[in-house]
Amino acid sequence: MRLVLLALAFILLLCSCAEPVPAQKRDYVGHWQSPSMSLLILEDGTVAYKRYKNGGSTSVEGPLQSFEGDDFSVGIGFFSTTFIVNEPPNNNDGQWTMVVDNERLIKQPSYSH
């Protein structure tokens, strides 16, 4: 029972640390994909990332910490990752694209605005 309560407290801490996506960065919100990468950014600042490369995969799930220009950081304290945005979200003829860590991503239609 003690372990369950500790786990619940940790989950609540993680959720409470997320910074909502600022109004000027609303175009980042959505489910972005390429054949080898998936990036989900929710309005409340929750981020989930998975990338397949060189026979393995890397994943990150956590709260949005901040934006520095076009780049953004995800995680808590020392356990954070900065995503380099080579091209910010852009709408070309109704299709949203963004380049993150040199990977061109397309926003899935259910999240387009």
C-alpha atoms as a PDB file:
ATOM      1  CA  MET A   1       0.000   0.000   0.000  1.00  0.00           C
ATOM      2  CA  ARG A   2       2.848   2.355   0.834  1.00  0.00           C
ATOM      3  CA  LEU A   3       4.438   1.770  -2.590  1.00  0.00           C
ATOM      4  CA  VAL A   4       1.141   2.488  -4.359  1.00  0.00           C
ATOM      5  CA  LEU A   5       0.745   5.786  -2.500  1.00  0.00           C
ATOM      6  CA  LEU A   6       4.314   6.748  -3.327  1.00  0.00           C
ATOM      7  CA  ALA A   7       3.732   5.964  -7.001  1.00  0.00           C
ATOM      8  CA  LEU A   8       0.519   8.027  -7.038  1.00  0.00           C
ATOM      9  CA  ALA A   9       2.310  10.957  -5.401  1.00  0.00           C
ATOM     10  CA  PHE A  10       5.062  10.772  -8.033  1.00  0.00           C
ATOM     11  CA  ILE A  11       2.498  10.736 -10.880  1.00  0.00           C
ATOM     12  CA  LEU A  12       0.740  13.768  -9.408  1.00  0.00           C
ATOM     13  CA  LEU A  13       4.079  15.557  -9.152  1.00  0.00           C
ATOM     14  CA  LEU A  14       4.829  14.848 -12.811  1.00  0.00           C
ATOM     15  CA  CYS A  15       1.435  16.096 -13.930  1.00  0.00           C
ATOM     16  CA  SER A  16       1.649  19.258 -11.866  1.00  0.00           C
ATOM     17  CA  CYS A  17       5.035  20.215 -13.364  1.00  0.00           C
ATOM     18  CA  ALA A  18       3.837  20.577 -16.960  1.00  0.00           C
ATOM     19  CA  GLU A  19       3.752  24.072 -18.376  1.00  0.00           C
ATOM     20  CA  PRO A  20       0.774  24.606 -20.700  1.00  0.00           C
ATOM     21  CA  VAL A  21       1.761  25.420 -24.268  1.00  0.00           C
ATOM     22  CA  PRO A  22       1.929  29.230 -24.564  1.00  0.00           C
ATOM     23  CA  ALA A  23      -0.613  30.882 -26.855  1.00  0.00           C
ATOM     24  CA  GLN A  24       2.099  31.986 -29.315  1.00  0.00           C
ATOM     25  CA  LYS A  25       3.249  28.335 -29.651  1.00  0.00           C
ATOM     26  CA  ARG A  26      -0.222  26.763 -30.165  1.00  0.00           C
ATOM     27  CA  ASP A  27       0.802  25.502 -33.615  1.00  0.00           C
ATOM     28  CA  TYR A  28       3.081  22.979 -31.852  1.00  0.00           C
ATOM     29  CA  VAL A  29       0.079  21.216 -30.274  1.00  0.00           C
ATOM     30  CA  GLY A  30      -0.788  17.983 -32.041  1.00  0.00           C
ATOM     31  CA  HIS A  31       0.312  14.532 -33.040  1.00  0.00           C
ATOM     32  CA  TRP A  32       3.288  14.804 -35.387  1.00  0.00           C
ATOM     33  CA  GLN A  33       4.610  11.784 -37.296  1.00  0.00           C
ATOM     34  CA  SER A  34       7.132  10.515 -39.801  1.00  0.00           C
ATOM     35  CA  PRO A  35       7.942   6.899 -40.681  1.00  0.00           C
ATOM     36  CA  SER A  36      10.507   6.777 -37.843  1.00  0.00           C
ATOM     37  CA  MET A  37       9.258   9.338 -35.290  1.00  0.00           C
ATOM     38  CA  SER A  38       6.126  10.155 -33.314  1.00  0.00           C
ATOM     39  CA  LEU A  39       5.751  13.338 -31.257  1.00  0.00           C
ATOM     40  CA  LEU A  40       2.601  14.163 -29.298  1.00  0.00           C
ATOM     41  CA  ILE A  41       2.284  17.607 -27.709  1.00  0.00           C
ATOM     42  CA  LEU A  42      -0.896  18.309 -25.741  1.00  0.00           C
ATOM     43  CA  GLU A  43      -2.240  21.750 -24.814  1.00  0.00           C
ATOM     44  CA  ASP A  44      -1.664  21.053 -21.115  1.00  0.00           C
ATOM     45  CA  GLY A  45       2.070  20.581 -21.737  1.00  0.00           C
ATOM     46  CA  THR A  46       2.193  16.788 -21.772  1.00  0.00           C
ATOM     47  CA  VAL A  47       4.719  15.465 -24.318  1.00  0.00           C
ATOM     48  CA  ALA A  48       5.274  11.909 -25.603  1.00  0.00           C
ATOM     49  CA  TYR A  49       8.059  11.142 -28.103  1.00  0.00           C
ATOM     50  CA  LYS A  50       9.304   7.958 -29.751  1.00  0.00           C
ATOM     51  CA  ARG A  51      11.974   7.563 -32.435  1.00  0.00           C
ATOM     52  CA  TYR A  52      13.285   4.470 -34.178  1.00  0.00           C
ATOM     53  CA  LYS A  53      16.878   4.643 -35.378  1.00  0.00           C
ATOM     54  CA  ASN A  54      19.805   2.258 -35.952  1.00  0.00           C
ATOM     55  CA  GLY A  55      17.832  -0.840 -34.949  1.00  0.00           C
ATOM     56  CA  GLY A  56      16.636   0.598 -31.633  1.00  0.00           C
ATOM     57  CA  SER A  57      14.259   3.147 -30.244  1.00  0.00           C
ATOM     58  CA  THR A  58      14.321   6.135 -27.925  1.00  0.00           C
ATOM     59  CA  SER A  59      11.309   7.424 -26.054  1.00  0.00           C
ATOM     60  CA  VAL A  60      10.617  10.366 -23.776  1.00  0.00           C
ATOM     61  CA  GLU A  61       7.445  11.140 -21.863  1.00  0.00           C
ATOM     62  CA  GLY A  62       7.115  14.081 -19.550  1.00  0.00           C
ATOM     63  CA  PRO A  63       5.981  17.608 -18.934  1.00  0.00           C
ATOM     64  CA  LEU A  64       6.894  20.546 -21.128  1.00  0.00           C
ATOM     65  CA  GLN A  65       9.410  22.692 -19.263  1.00  0.00           C
ATOM     66  CA  SER A  66       9.911  25.644 -21.580  1.00  0.00           C
ATOM     67  CA  PHE A  67      10.453  27.018 -25.057  1.00  0.00           C
ATOM     68  CA  GLU A  68      13.760  28.631 -26.021  1.00  0.00           C
ATOM     69  CA  GLY A  69      13.056  30.252 -29.376  1.00  0.00           C
ATOM     70  CA  ASP A  70      11.638  27.424 -31.497  1.00  0.00           C
ATOM     71  CA  ASP A  71      13.269  24.655 -29.403  1.00  0.00           C
ATOM     72  CA  PHE A  72      11.549  23.145 -26.361  1.00  0.00           C
ATOM     73  CA  SER A  73      12.571  21.172 -23.276  1.00  0.00           C
ATOM     74  CA  VAL A  74      10.705  18.215 -21.782  1.00  0.00           C
ATOM     75  CA  GLY A  75      11.255  16.518 -18.429  1.00  0.00           C
ATOM     76  CA  ILE A  76      11.885  17.316 -14.793  1.00  0.00           C
ATOM     77  CA  GLY A  77      15.020  18.946 -13.435  1.00  0.00           C
ATOM     78  CA  PHE A  78      18.177  17.154 -14.528  1.00  0.00           C
ATOM     79  CA  PHE A  79      16.099  14.534 -16.327  1.00  0.00           C
ATOM     80  CA  SER A  80      15.192  16.701 -19.281  1.00  0.00           C
ATOM     81  CA  THR A  81      15.668  16.661 -23.028  1.00  0.00           C
ATOM     82  CA  THR A  82      15.809  19.584 -25.431  1.00  0.00           C
ATOM     83  CA  PHE A  83      14.197  19.092 -28.820  1.00  0.00           C
ATOM     84  CA  ILE A  84      15.886  21.074 -31.585  1.00  0.00           C
ATOM     85  CA  VAL A  85      13.289  22.503 -33.957  1.00  0.00           C
ATOM     86  CA  ASN A  86      14.995  23.039 -37.302  1.00  0.00           C
ATOM     87  CA  GLU A  87      11.759  24.358 -38.867  1.00  0.00           C
ATOM     88  CA  PRO A  88       8.832  25.485 -36.699  1.00  0.00           C
ATOM     89  CA  PRO A  89       5.270  24.406 -37.546  1.00  0.00           C
ATOM     90  CA  ASN A  90       4.208  25.620 -40.963  1.00  0.00           C
ATOM     91  CA  ASN A  91       0.921  25.191 -42.833  1.00  0.00           C
ATOM     92  CA  ASN A  92       1.477  24.503 -46.547  1.00  0.00           C
ATOM     93  CA  ASP A  93      -1.794  24.173 -48.465  1.00  0.00           C
ATOM     94  CA  GLY A  94      -3.598  22.650 -45.468  1.00  0.00           C
ATOM     95  CA  GLN A  95      -0.800  20.283 -44.393  1.00  0.00           C
ATOM     96  CA  TRP A  96       1.133  21.162 -41.241  1.00  0.00           C
ATOM     97  CA  THR A  97       4.816  20.230 -41.161  1.00  0.00           C
ATOM     98  CA  MET A  98       7.633  20.732 -38.675  1.00  0.00           C
ATOM     99  CA  VAL A  99      11.270  19.583 -38.630  1.00  0.00           C
ATOM    100  CA  VAL A 100      12.506  18.330 -35.239  1.00  0.00           C
ATOM    101  CA  ASP A 101      16.023  16.958 -34.778  1.00  0.00           C
ATOM    102  CA  ASN A 102      16.409  16.977 -38.601  1.00  0.00           C
ATOM    103  CA  GLU A 103      13.280  14.809 -39.079  1.00  0.00           C
ATOM    104  CA  ARG A 104      10.355  16.193 -41.125  1.00  0.00           C
ATOM    105  CA  LEU A 105       7.100  15.530 -39.288  1.00  0.00           C
ATOM    106  CA  ILE A 106       3.506  15.871 -40.495  1.00  0.00           C
ATOM    107  CA  LYS A 107       0.720  16.851 -38.108  1.00  0.00           C
ATOM    108  CA  GLN A 108      -2.041  14.270 -38.143  1.00  0.00           C
ATOM    109  CA  PRO A 109      -5.391  15.662 -39.401  1.00  0.00           C
ATOM    110  CA  SER A 110      -7.231  15.119 -36.113  1.00  0.00           C
ATOM    111  CA  TYR A 111      -5.009  17.824 -34.585  1.00  0.00           C
ATOM    112  CA  SER A 112      -4.909  20.346 -37.433  1.00  0.00           C
ATOM    113  CA  HIS A 113      -6.566  23.711 -36.956  1.00  0.00           C
END
